[in-house]
Amino acid sequence: MKQLAGKTALVTGASSGIGLALAKSLAARKMNLIITARSENKLNEIATELQKSGVNVDVFSSDLSERGAAENLFKQVSEASLHVDLLINNAGFGKWGELLEINREEYQQMLQLNINALTELCHLFIPDMLSRKEGGIINVGSTASFVPIPFAAVYSASKAYVLSFTEALQGEYGDRGLSVMTLCPGGTNSNFAAVANPNLKQIFANKDTPEFVAEMGLEAFLKGKLYVITGKGNKKVALLPRILSRQKVLEIVGASWKKTIGKS
């Protein structure tokens, strides 16, 4: 995709953080929006503000961590006769700590949201994009997409899936008009950190802003990048497996993350 103005983007997890920043940036670029998250009231407030940019904003509240929610969202969008030109799978969350400190139900929700819903939405919306021979997908991964993270084992594995899946989609459909990219932020000053682990809220307060991540991501997408790592120094994380053994990477990342989340 070379142009965004006048087209329509669906942004999941649009009520806060990177998702909200992406929605604002797209509205400023005159792109119509479909925004979704769990809080309908919050979404309606955001829609009212975004519409001041002169774009159409449709709201569909949905909890994509629930099974069947992705298909229901697709049906709602289709029944409203809306076409999605750019799908942004931003919704996701992490829980960081030792594996056994977090219950299985939370892991199930995390995997449903970070992996299953993302995959299902791509599967549902790609056919219409291919029929029009144009479309785009931005899947939000993480710097954790590139290395296993002890004390964030399930989260980092889910984000590794996002990177691999997204690159494979580009390989399958890139020559049929589909532009696909993974946006890989590092630490970001948003509510995400507080949900992941209370010890991270203050640490991440001085990290990249959601607005910075959104702008870098959209600029990279428009340039046709396959993935983009946002933030100073974060590219070093992706380079670790290229220059060190997997065992050494585990030792370095594990020690750093153990200290970060306050483990003795």
C-alpha atoms as a PDB file:
ATOM      1  CA  MET A   1       0.000   0.000   0.000  1.00  0.00           C
ATOM      2  CA  LYS A   2       1.319   3.398  -0.997  1.00  0.00           C
ATOM      3  CA  GLN A   3      -1.532   5.632   0.128  1.00  0.00           C
ATOM      4  CA  LEU A   4      -3.783   5.667   3.180  1.00  0.00           C
ATOM      5  CA  ALA A   5      -6.032   8.690   2.691  1.00  0.00           C
ATOM      6  CA  GLY A   6      -9.650   7.810   1.988  1.00  0.00           C
ATOM      7  CA  LYS A   7      -9.167   4.120   2.777  1.00  0.00           C
ATOM      8  CA  THR A   8     -10.257   2.228   5.889  1.00  0.00           C
ATOM      9  CA  ALA A   9      -8.204   0.670   8.673  1.00  0.00           C
ATOM     10  CA  LEU A  10      -9.365  -1.734  11.369  1.00  0.00           C
ATOM     11  CA  VAL A  11      -7.367  -1.284  14.578  1.00  0.00           C
ATOM     12  CA  THR A  12      -7.753  -3.774  17.420  1.00  0.00           C
ATOM     13  CA  GLY A  13      -6.899  -2.767  20.960  1.00  0.00           C
ATOM     14  CA  ALA A  14      -7.572   0.837  19.970  1.00  0.00           C
ATOM     15  CA  SER A  15      -8.673   2.180  23.352  1.00  0.00           C
ATOM     16  CA  SER A  16      -5.182   2.908  24.723  1.00  0.00           C
ATOM     17  CA  GLY A  17      -1.442   2.687  24.185  1.00  0.00           C
ATOM     18  CA  ILE A  18      -0.016   1.871  20.772  1.00  0.00           C
ATOM     19  CA  GLY A  19      -3.446   1.033  19.327  1.00  0.00           C
ATOM     20  CA  LEU A  20      -4.844   4.439  20.216  1.00  0.00           C
ATOM     21  CA  ALA A  21      -1.709   6.170  18.911  1.00  0.00           C
ATOM     22  CA  LEU A  22      -2.011   4.281  15.627  1.00  0.00           C
ATOM     23  CA  ALA A  23      -5.664   5.269  15.297  1.00  0.00           C
ATOM     24  CA  LYS A  24      -4.837   8.933  15.896  1.00  0.00           C
ATOM     25  CA  SER A  25      -1.977   8.873  13.406  1.00  0.00           C
ATOM     26  CA  LEU A  26      -4.125   7.208  10.757  1.00  0.00           C
ATOM     27  CA  ALA A  27      -6.920   9.735  11.292  1.00  0.00           C
ATOM     28  CA  ALA A  28      -4.396  12.540  10.842  1.00  0.00           C
ATOM     29  CA  ARG A  29      -3.457  10.865   7.543  1.00  0.00           C
ATOM     30  CA  LYS A  30      -7.162  11.029   6.561  1.00  0.00           C
ATOM     31  CA  MET A  31      -7.786   7.309   6.840  1.00  0.00           C
ATOM     32  CA  ASN A  32     -11.252   6.147   7.897  1.00  0.00           C
ATOM     33  CA  LEU A  33     -11.272   3.888  10.921  1.00  0.00           C
ATOM     34  CA  ILE A  34     -12.916   0.879  12.473  1.00  0.00           C
ATOM     35  CA  ILE A  35     -11.820   0.687  16.090  1.00  0.00           C
ATOM     36  CA  THR A  36     -12.349  -2.154  18.502  1.00  0.00           C
ATOM     37  CA  ALA A  37     -11.542  -2.979  22.120  1.00  0.00           C
ATOM     38  CA  ARG A  38     -13.486  -4.155  25.155  1.00  0.00           C
ATOM     39  CA  SER A  39     -14.734  -0.773  26.420  1.00  0.00           C
ATOM     40  CA  GLU A  40     -17.494   0.574  24.173  1.00  0.00           C
ATOM     41  CA  ASN A  41     -17.840   3.807  26.153  1.00  0.00           C
ATOM     42  CA  LYS A  42     -14.143   4.558  25.833  1.00  0.00           C
ATOM     43  CA  LEU A  43     -14.220   3.752  22.125  1.00  0.00           C
ATOM     44  CA  ASN A  44     -17.167   6.090  21.563  1.00  0.00           C
ATOM     45  CA  GLU A  45     -15.276   8.918  23.250  1.00  0.00           C
ATOM     46  CA  ILE A  46     -12.245   8.237  21.071  1.00  0.00           C
ATOM     47  CA  ALA A  47     -14.395   8.065  17.936  1.00  0.00           C
ATOM     48  CA  THR A  48     -15.891  11.473  18.679  1.00  0.00           C
ATOM     49  CA  GLU A  49     -12.409  12.954  18.974  1.00  0.00           C
ATOM     50  CA  LEU A  50     -11.042  11.227  15.875  1.00  0.00           C
ATOM     51  CA  GLN A  51     -13.970  12.348  13.745  1.00  0.00           C
ATOM     52  CA  LYS A  52     -12.782  15.922  14.207  1.00  0.00           C
ATOM     53  CA  SER A  53     -10.082  15.025  11.669  1.00  0.00           C
ATOM     54  CA  GLY A  54     -12.812  14.684   9.053  1.00  0.00           C
ATOM     55  CA  VAL A  55     -12.779  10.876   8.856  1.00  0.00           C
ATOM     56  CA  ASN A  56     -15.430   8.225   9.418  1.00  0.00           C
ATOM     57  CA  VAL A  57     -15.014   6.171  12.590  1.00  0.00           C
ATOM     58  CA  ASP A  58     -17.018   3.014  13.288  1.00  0.00           C
ATOM     59  CA  VAL A  59     -16.971   1.394  16.724  1.00  0.00           C
ATOM     60  CA  PHE A  60     -17.346  -2.312  17.505  1.00  0.00           C
ATOM     61  CA  SER A  61     -16.676  -3.418  21.069  1.00  0.00           C
ATOM     62  CA  SER A  62     -15.173  -6.891  21.317  1.00  0.00           C
ATOM     63  CA  ASP A  63     -13.114  -8.968  23.729  1.00  0.00           C
ATOM     64  CA  LEU A  64     -10.825 -10.805  21.347  1.00  0.00           C
ATOM     65  CA  SER A  65      -9.434 -12.938  24.163  1.00  0.00           C
ATOM     66  CA  GLU A  66     -12.711 -14.887  23.981  1.00  0.00           C
ATOM     67  CA  ARG A  67     -13.147 -17.731  21.515  1.00  0.00           C
ATOM     68  CA  GLY A  68     -15.346 -16.807  18.579  1.00  0.00           C
ATOM     69  CA  ALA A  69     -14.891 -13.059  19.081  1.00  0.00           C
ATOM     70  CA  ALA A  70     -12.784 -12.594  15.943  1.00  0.00           C
ATOM     71  CA  GLU A  71     -15.423 -14.179  13.733  1.00  0.00           C
ATOM     72  CA  ASN A  72     -18.170 -12.146  15.402  1.00  0.00           C
ATOM     73  CA  LEU A  73     -16.198  -8.963  14.759  1.00  0.00           C
ATOM     74  CA  PHE A  74     -15.766  -9.897  11.112  1.00  0.00           C
ATOM     75  CA  LYS A  75     -19.516 -10.506  10.791  1.00  0.00           C
ATOM     76  CA  GLN A  76     -20.295  -7.115  12.339  1.00  0.00           C
ATOM     77  CA  VAL A  77     -17.936  -5.332   9.975  1.00  0.00           C
ATOM     78  CA  SER A  78     -19.312  -7.200   6.967  1.00  0.00           C
ATOM     79  CA  GLU A  79     -22.931  -6.552   7.936  1.00  0.00           C
ATOM     80  CA  ALA A  80     -22.113  -2.849   8.160  1.00  0.00           C
ATOM     81  CA  SER A  81     -20.905  -3.050   4.524  1.00  0.00           C
ATOM     82  CA  LEU A  82     -17.427  -1.897   5.518  1.00  0.00           C
ATOM     83  CA  HIS A  83     -14.309  -2.923   3.610  1.00  0.00           C
ATOM     84  CA  VAL A  84     -11.009  -3.151   5.457  1.00  0.00           C
ATOM     85  CA  ASP A  85      -8.010  -1.950   3.457  1.00  0.00           C
ATOM     86  CA  LEU A  86      -5.548  -2.102   6.353  1.00  0.00           C
ATOM     87  CA  LEU A  87      -5.851  -4.581   9.226  1.00  0.00           C
ATOM     88  CA  ILE A  88      -3.821  -3.717  12.325  1.00  0.00           C
ATOM     89  CA  ASN A  89      -3.702  -6.553  14.849  1.00  0.00           C
ATOM     90  CA  ASN A  90      -2.519  -4.601  17.861  1.00  0.00           C
ATOM     91  CA  ALA A  91      -4.555  -6.145  20.691  1.00  0.00           C
ATOM     92  CA  GLY A  92      -2.436  -8.254  23.005  1.00  0.00           C
ATOM     93  CA  PHE A  93      -1.142  -8.546  26.528  1.00  0.00           C
ATOM     94  CA  GLY A  94       1.644 -10.142  28.506  1.00  0.00           C
ATOM     95  CA  LYS A  95       2.124 -11.620  31.949  1.00  0.00           C
ATOM     96  CA  TRP A  96       5.712 -11.618  33.116  1.00  0.00           C
ATOM     97  CA  GLY A  97       7.078 -13.737  35.942  1.00  0.00           C
ATOM     98  CA  GLU A  98       8.002 -17.355  36.528  1.00  0.00           C
ATOM     99  CA  LEU A  99       5.875 -19.742  34.485  1.00  0.00           C
ATOM    100  CA  LEU A 100       4.175 -21.301  37.520  1.00  0.00           C
ATOM    101  CA  GLU A 101       3.317 -17.961  39.123  1.00  0.00           C
ATOM    102  CA  ILE A 102       0.646 -17.302  36.503  1.00  0.00           C
ATOM    103  CA  ASN A 103      -2.465 -19.425  36.166  1.00  0.00           C
ATOM    104  CA  ARG A 104      -3.360 -21.393  33.072  1.00  0.00           C
ATOM    105  CA  GLU A 105      -6.540 -19.396  32.449  1.00  0.00           C
ATOM    106  CA  GLU A 106      -4.490 -16.220  31.961  1.00  0.00           C
ATOM    107  CA  TYR A 107      -2.155 -18.041  29.595  1.00  0.00           C
ATOM    108  CA  GLN A 108      -5.131 -19.326  27.623  1.00  0.00           C
ATOM    109  CA  GLN A 109      -6.478 -15.786  27.278  1.00  0.00           C
ATOM    110  CA  MET A 110      -3.049 -14.506  26.263  1.00  0.00           C
ATOM    111  CA  LEU A 111      -2.607 -17.132  23.575  1.00  0.00           C
ATOM    112  CA  GLN A 112      -6.166 -16.650  22.332  1.00  0.00           C
ATOM    113  CA  LEU A 113      -5.571 -12.918  21.951  1.00  0.00           C
ATOM    114  CA  ASN A 114      -1.913 -12.789  20.867  1.00  0.00           C
ATOM    115  CA  ILE A 115      -2.059 -15.733  18.464  1.00  0.00           C
ATOM    116  CA  ASN A 116      -5.497 -17.162  17.709  1.00  0.00           C
ATOM    117  CA  ALA A 117      -7.486 -13.951  17.248  1.00  0.00           C
ATOM    118  CA  LEU A 118      -4.685 -12.401  15.188  1.00  0.00           C
ATOM    119  CA  THR A 119      -4.537 -15.462  12.943  1.00  0.00           C
ATOM    120  CA  GLU A 120      -8.307 -15.662  12.584  1.00  0.00           C
ATOM    121  CA  LEU A 121      -8.666 -11.991  11.648  1.00  0.00           C
ATOM    122  CA  CYS A 122      -6.007 -12.351   8.965  1.00  0.00           C
ATOM    123  CA  HIS A 123      -7.752 -15.450   7.631  1.00  0.00           C
ATOM    124  CA  LEU A 124     -11.102 -13.657   7.584  1.00  0.00           C
ATOM    125  CA  PHE A 125     -10.065 -10.342   6.022  1.00  0.00           C
ATOM    126  CA  ILE A 126      -7.393 -11.407   3.518  1.00  0.00           C
ATOM    127  CA  PRO A 127      -9.807 -12.862   0.910  1.00  0.00           C
ATOM    128  CA  ASP A 128     -11.517  -9.490   0.339  1.00  0.00           C
ATOM    129  CA  MET A 129      -8.137  -7.761   0.065  1.00  0.00           C
ATOM    130  CA  LEU A 130      -6.996 -10.286  -2.531  1.00  0.00           C
ATOM    131  CA  SER A 131     -10.206  -9.846  -4.524  1.00  0.00           C
ATOM    132  CA  ARG A 132      -9.395  -6.133  -4.772  1.00  0.00           C
ATOM    133  CA  LYS A 133      -5.700  -6.869  -5.400  1.00  0.00           C
ATOM    134  CA  GLU A 134      -4.687  -4.460  -2.652  1.00  0.00           C
ATOM    135  CA  GLY A 135      -4.535  -4.497   1.110  1.00  0.00           C
ATOM    136  CA  GLY A 136      -2.276  -4.289   4.099  1.00  0.00           C
ATOM    137  CA  ILE A 137      -1.714  -5.970   7.440  1.00  0.00           C
ATOM    138  CA  ILE A 138       0.344  -4.747  10.363  1.00  0.00           C
ATOM    139  CA  ASN A 139       0.714  -7.334  13.107  1.00  0.00           C
ATOM    140  CA  VAL A 140       2.192  -6.025  16.338  1.00  0.00           C
ATOM    141  CA  GLY A 141       4.975  -8.228  17.616  1.00  0.00           C
ATOM    142  CA  SER A 142       7.740  -7.218  20.013  1.00  0.00           C
ATOM    143  CA  THR A 143      11.484  -7.205  20.423  1.00  0.00           C
ATOM    144  CA  ALA A 144      10.613 -10.434  22.240  1.00  0.00           C
ATOM    145  CA  SER A 145       9.752 -11.848  18.817  1.00  0.00           C
ATOM    146  CA  PHE A 146      13.470 -12.380  18.225  1.00  0.00           C
ATOM    147  CA  VAL A 147      14.656 -14.105  21.418  1.00  0.00           C
ATOM    148  CA  PRO A 148      13.172 -16.395  24.060  1.00  0.00           C
ATOM    149  CA  ILE A 149      12.596 -14.440  27.281  1.00  0.00           C
ATOM    150  CA  PRO A 150      12.927 -16.348  30.577  1.00  0.00           C
ATOM    151  CA  PHE A 151      10.323 -14.986  33.014  1.00  0.00           C
ATOM    152  CA  ALA A 152       8.141 -14.057  30.033  1.00  0.00           C
ATOM    153  CA  ALA A 153       8.184 -17.481  28.398  1.00  0.00           C
ATOM    154  CA  VAL A 154       4.634 -17.672  27.047  1.00  0.00           C
ATOM    155  CA  TYR A 155       4.519 -14.028  26.003  1.00  0.00           C
ATOM    156  CA  SER A 156       7.807 -14.143  24.090  1.00  0.00           C
ATOM    157  CA  ALA A 157       6.779 -17.399  22.406  1.00  0.00           C
ATOM    158  CA  SER A 158       3.498 -15.821  21.303  1.00  0.00           C
ATOM    159  CA  LYS A 159       5.348 -12.867  19.795  1.00  0.00           C
ATOM    160  CA  ALA A 160       7.812 -15.161  18.026  1.00  0.00           C
ATOM    161  CA  TYR A 161       4.764 -16.713  16.382  1.00  0.00           C
ATOM    162  CA  VAL A 162       3.543 -13.290  15.259  1.00  0.00           C
ATOM    163  CA  LEU A 163       6.837 -12.504  13.499  1.00  0.00           C
ATOM    164  CA  SER A 164       7.115 -15.899  11.808  1.00  0.00           C
ATOM    165  CA  PHE A 165       3.454 -15.966  10.768  1.00  0.00           C
ATOM    166  CA  THR A 166       3.545 -12.439   9.370  1.00  0.00           C
ATOM    167  CA  GLU A 167       6.673 -13.017   7.315  1.00  0.00           C
ATOM    168  CA  ALA A 168       5.162 -16.198   5.909  1.00  0.00           C
ATOM    169  CA  LEU A 169       2.027 -14.291   4.873  1.00  0.00           C
ATOM    170  CA  GLN A 170       4.157 -11.827   2.958  1.00  0.00           C
ATOM    171  CA  GLY A 171       5.810 -14.759   1.215  1.00  0.00           C
ATOM    172  CA  GLU A 172       2.430 -16.194   0.237  1.00  0.00           C
ATOM    173  CA  TYR A 173       0.555 -13.058  -0.783  1.00  0.00           C
ATOM    174  CA  GLY A 174       3.109 -10.317  -1.373  1.00  0.00           C
ATOM    175  CA  ASP A 175       2.906 -10.787  -5.146  1.00  0.00           C
ATOM    176  CA  ARG A 176      -0.897 -10.545  -5.077  1.00  0.00           C
ATOM    177  CA  GLY A 177      -1.212  -7.001  -3.802  1.00  0.00           C
ATOM    178  CA  LEU A 178      -0.913  -7.624  -0.064  1.00  0.00           C
ATOM    179  CA  SER A 179       1.599  -5.644   2.031  1.00  0.00           C
ATOM    180  CA  VAL A 180       2.378  -7.283   5.373  1.00  0.00           C
ATOM    181  CA  MET A 181       4.611  -6.051   8.184  1.00  0.00           C
ATOM    182  CA  THR A 182       5.437  -6.836  11.806  1.00  0.00           C
ATOM    183  CA  LEU A 183       5.759  -3.859  14.137  1.00  0.00           C
ATOM    184  CA  CYS A 184       8.194  -4.804  16.918  1.00  0.00           C
ATOM    185  CA  PRO A 185       8.296  -2.287  19.777  1.00  0.00           C
ATOM    186  CA  GLY A 186      10.603  -2.467  22.745  1.00  0.00           C
ATOM    187  CA  GLY A 187       9.593  -1.191  26.158  1.00  0.00           C
ATOM    188  CA  THR A 188       6.789   1.360  25.780  1.00  0.00           C
ATOM    189  CA  ASN A 189       5.286   3.777  28.274  1.00  0.00           C
ATOM    190  CA  SER A 190       1.729   2.434  28.313  1.00  0.00           C
ATOM    191  CA  ASN A 191      -0.682   0.410  30.480  1.00  0.00           C
ATOM    192  CA  PHE A 192       0.768  -2.758  28.970  1.00  0.00           C
ATOM    193  CA  ALA A 193       3.677  -2.798  31.433  1.00  0.00           C
ATOM    194  CA  ALA A 194       1.483  -2.462  34.509  1.00  0.00           C
ATOM    195  CA  VAL A 195      -0.652  -5.402  33.389  1.00  0.00           C
ATOM    196  CA  ALA A 196       2.395  -7.519  32.573  1.00  0.00           C
ATOM    197  CA  ASN A 197       4.133  -7.007  35.920  1.00  0.00           C
ATOM    198  CA  PRO A 198       3.634  -4.242  38.547  1.00  0.00           C
ATOM    199  CA  ASN A 199       7.407  -3.811  38.880  1.00  0.00           C
ATOM    200  CA  LEU A 200       7.628  -2.623  35.278  1.00  0.00           C
ATOM    201  CA  LYS A 201       5.344   0.408  35.446  1.00  0.00           C
ATOM    202  CA  GLN A 202       7.984   2.801  36.746  1.00  0.00           C
ATOM    203  CA  ILE A 203      10.782   1.258  34.673  1.00  0.00           C
ATOM    204  CA  PHE A 204       8.825   1.677  31.444  1.00  0.00           C
ATOM    205  CA  ALA A 205       7.775   5.245  32.300  1.00  0.00           C
ATOM    206  CA  ASN A 206      10.947   6.524  30.618  1.00  0.00           C
ATOM    207  CA  LYS A 207      10.671   4.264  27.559  1.00  0.00           C
ATOM    208  CA  ASP A 208       9.345   5.065  24.078  1.00  0.00           C
ATOM    209  CA  THR A 209       5.942   6.713  23.830  1.00  0.00           C
ATOM    210  CA  PRO A 210       3.101   4.967  21.975  1.00  0.00           C
ATOM    211  CA  GLU A 211       3.043   7.912  19.560  1.00  0.00           C
ATOM    212  CA  PHE A 212       6.705   7.378  18.670  1.00  0.00           C
ATOM    213  CA  VAL A 213       6.103   3.662  18.061  1.00  0.00           C
ATOM    214  CA  ALA A 214       3.018   4.355  15.932  1.00  0.00           C
ATOM    215  CA  GLU A 215       4.762   6.897  13.716  1.00  0.00           C
ATOM    216  CA  MET A 216       7.813   4.697  13.183  1.00  0.00           C
ATOM    217  CA  GLY A 217       5.575   1.757  12.416  1.00  0.00           C
ATOM    218  CA  LEU A 218       3.431   3.522   9.847  1.00  0.00           C
ATOM    219  CA  GLU A 219       6.404   5.129   8.127  1.00  0.00           C
ATOM    220  CA  ALA A 220       8.094   1.731   7.828  1.00  0.00           C
ATOM    221  CA  PHE A 221       4.892   0.157   6.478  1.00  0.00           C
ATOM    222  CA  LEU A 222       4.550   2.805   3.788  1.00  0.00           C
ATOM    223  CA  LYS A 223       8.149   2.120   2.763  1.00  0.00           C
ATOM    224  CA  GLY A 224       7.343  -1.564   2.291  1.00  0.00           C
ATOM    225  CA  LYS A 225       9.383  -2.879   5.211  1.00  0.00           C
ATOM    226  CA  LEU A 226       8.885  -6.498   6.247  1.00  0.00           C
ATOM    227  CA  TYR A 227       9.366  -5.621   9.907  1.00  0.00           C
ATOM    228  CA  VAL A 228      10.488  -2.676  11.987  1.00  0.00           C
ATOM    229  CA  ILE A 229      12.056  -2.546  15.438  1.00  0.00           C
ATOM    230  CA  THR A 230      11.272   0.746  17.130  1.00  0.00           C
ATOM    231  CA  GLY A 231      13.376   2.571  19.698  1.00  0.00           C
ATOM    232  CA  LYS A 232      17.033   3.212  20.295  1.00  0.00           C
ATOM    233  CA  GLY A 233      19.084   0.173  21.150  1.00  0.00           C
ATOM    234  CA  ASN A 234      16.287  -2.346  20.601  1.00  0.00           C
ATOM    235  CA  LYS A 235      17.795  -3.626  17.360  1.00  0.00           C
ATOM    236  CA  LYS A 236      20.617  -5.096  19.426  1.00  0.00           C
ATOM    237  CA  VAL A 237      18.166  -7.624  20.866  1.00  0.00           C
ATOM    238  CA  ALA A 238      17.402  -8.989  17.406  1.00  0.00           C
ATOM    239  CA  LEU A 239      21.106  -9.311  16.664  1.00  0.00           C
ATOM    240  CA  LEU A 240      21.945 -11.423  19.720  1.00  0.00           C
ATOM    241  CA  PRO A 241      21.041 -14.830  18.184  1.00  0.00           C
ATOM    242  CA  ARG A 242      23.179 -14.006  15.135  1.00  0.00           C
ATOM    243  CA  ILE A 243      26.371 -13.461  17.065  1.00  0.00           C
ATOM    244  CA  LEU A 244      25.997 -15.617  20.191  1.00  0.00           C
ATOM    245  CA  SER A 245      25.056 -19.213  20.952  1.00  0.00           C
ATOM    246  CA  ARG A 246      21.471 -19.843  22.017  1.00  0.00           C
ATOM    247  CA  GLN A 247      22.696 -20.818  25.471  1.00  0.00           C
ATOM    248  CA  LYS A 248      24.562 -17.532  25.857  1.00  0.00           C
ATOM    249  CA  VAL A 249      21.532 -15.576  24.669  1.00  0.00           C
ATOM    250  CA  LEU A 250      19.411 -17.305  27.318  1.00  0.00           C
ATOM    251  CA  GLU A 251      21.940 -16.454  30.021  1.00  0.00           C
ATOM    252  CA  ILE A 252      22.141 -12.782  29.058  1.00  0.00           C
ATOM    253  CA  VAL A 253      18.428 -12.219  28.490  1.00  0.00           C
ATOM    254  CA  GLY A 254      17.433 -14.313  31.503  1.00  0.00           C
ATOM    255  CA  ALA A 255      19.737 -12.416  33.868  1.00  0.00           C
ATOM    256  CA  SER A 256      18.551  -9.063  32.554  1.00  0.00           C
ATOM    257  CA  TRP A 257      14.873  -9.936  32.732  1.00  0.00           C
ATOM    258  CA  LYS A 258      15.189 -11.511  36.173  1.00  0.00           C
ATOM    259  CA  LYS A 259      16.571  -8.231  37.462  1.00  0.00           C
ATOM    260  CA  THR A 260      13.989  -6.172  35.574  1.00  0.00           C
ATOM    261  CA  ILE A 261      10.970  -7.879  37.149  1.00  0.00           C
ATOM    262  CA  GLY A 262      12.540  -7.809  40.607  1.00  0.00           C
ATOM    263  CA  LYS A 263      13.491 -11.437  41.073  1.00  0.00           C
ATOM    264  CA  SER A 264      16.331 -12.117  43.493  1.00  0.00           C
END
